[in-house]
Amino acid sequence: MRSRAGHLILENVRLTSGSPVAGKTIEDSRKYSRGATILAIQKRNGNLLTNPPEDTVLDELVVIGTREQLRELEDLA
């Protein structure tokens, strides 16, 4: 896949307890958004929530974006 900014990459991003988005919902975390798209959330109990609703609390993220977008998201994690 390609976007105007370059290749799109699919990646898992694990949040640390010190992350500003840890424990927040997708909706609440939008102000920290760096352009990457959340495709799914891997919950700690092992469940994979695809196309999660806005009120889903973040755990491990399955995201897609450019290398730059993912790097910025990883800096938040």
Protein backbone atom coordinates (compact mmCIF):
# COMPACT_ATOMS: atom_id res chain seq x y z
CA MET A 1 0.00 0.00 0.00
CA ARG A 2 1.09 3.56 -0.55
CA SER A 3 -0.10 6.92 0.65
CA ARG A 4 1.00 10.36 -0.47
CA ALA A 5 3.43 10.44 2.44
CA GLY A 6 4.93 7.02 1.63
CA HIS A 7 4.35 3.39 2.45
CA LEU A 8 1.73 2.40 5.00
CA ILE A 9 2.84 0.05 7.75
CA LEU A 10 0.76 -2.21 10.00
CA GLU A 11 2.17 -2.43 13.52
CA ASN A 12 1.36 -3.32 17.13
CA VAL A 13 2.06 -0.59 19.69
CA ARG A 14 2.08 -1.49 23.37
CA LEU A 15 1.29 1.34 25.79
CA THR A 16 3.29 1.78 28.98
CA SER A 17 1.73 2.88 32.26
CA GLY A 18 3.47 6.26 31.88
CA SER A 19 1.92 6.97 28.48
CA PRO A 20 -0.36 10.03 28.34
CA VAL A 21 -2.97 7.86 26.57
CA ALA A 22 -2.77 4.85 28.92
CA GLY A 23 -6.18 4.15 30.41
CA LYS A 24 -7.92 6.59 28.06
CA THR A 25 -10.60 5.78 25.53
CA ILE A 26 -10.06 6.17 21.80
CA GLU A 27 -12.24 9.28 21.91
CA ASP A 28 -10.28 10.82 24.82
CA SER A 29 -6.96 10.06 23.14
CA ARG A 30 -7.81 11.95 19.92
CA LYS A 31 -6.07 15.12 21.13
CA TYR A 32 -2.81 13.12 21.13
CA SER A 33 -3.50 11.65 17.67
CA ARG A 34 -0.58 11.65 15.29
CA GLY A 35 -2.42 10.52 12.17
CA ALA A 36 -2.06 6.76 12.56
CA THR A 37 -5.34 4.82 12.40
CA ILE A 38 -6.35 2.33 15.12
CA LEU A 39 -7.57 -0.83 13.39
CA ALA A 40 -7.90 -3.01 16.48
CA ILE A 41 -7.10 -3.22 20.17
CA GLN A 42 -5.52 -6.30 21.71
CA LYS A 43 -6.96 -6.47 25.23
CA ARG A 44 -4.91 -7.85 28.12
CA ASN A 45 -7.27 -10.82 28.39
CA GLY A 46 -6.29 -11.82 24.84
CA ASN A 47 -9.42 -10.60 23.05
CA LEU A 48 -8.82 -8.74 19.79
CA LEU A 49 -11.36 -5.96 19.21
CA THR A 50 -11.45 -5.06 15.53
CA ASN A 51 -12.91 -1.72 14.49
CA PRO A 52 -13.25 -0.74 18.17
CA PRO A 53 -15.88 1.83 19.20
CA GLU A 54 -14.79 5.27 20.44
CA ASP A 55 -15.48 4.38 24.09
CA THR A 56 -12.99 1.48 24.09
CA VAL A 57 -10.16 1.87 26.62
CA LEU A 58 -6.75 1.59 24.99
CA ASP A 59 -4.47 -1.40 25.59
CA GLU A 60 -2.13 -2.72 22.92
CA LEU A 61 -2.94 -1.01 19.63
CA VAL A 62 -2.98 -2.47 16.14
CA VAL A 63 -2.41 0.56 13.94
CA ILE A 64 -1.65 1.53 10.37
CA GLY A 65 0.19 4.61 9.23
CA THR A 66 3.33 5.95 7.64
CA ARG A 67 6.70 5.34 9.28
CA GLU A 68 6.66 8.93 10.59
CA GLN A 69 3.13 8.60 12.04
CA LEU A 70 4.02 5.34 13.78
CA ARG A 71 7.27 6.75 15.16
CA GLU A 72 5.36 9.67 16.69
CA LEU A 73 2.76 7.28 18.15
CA GLU A 74 5.51 5.08 19.63
CA ASP A 75 6.95 8.18 21.32
CA LEU A 76 3.59 8.52 23.14
CA ALA A 77 3.53 4.86 24.13
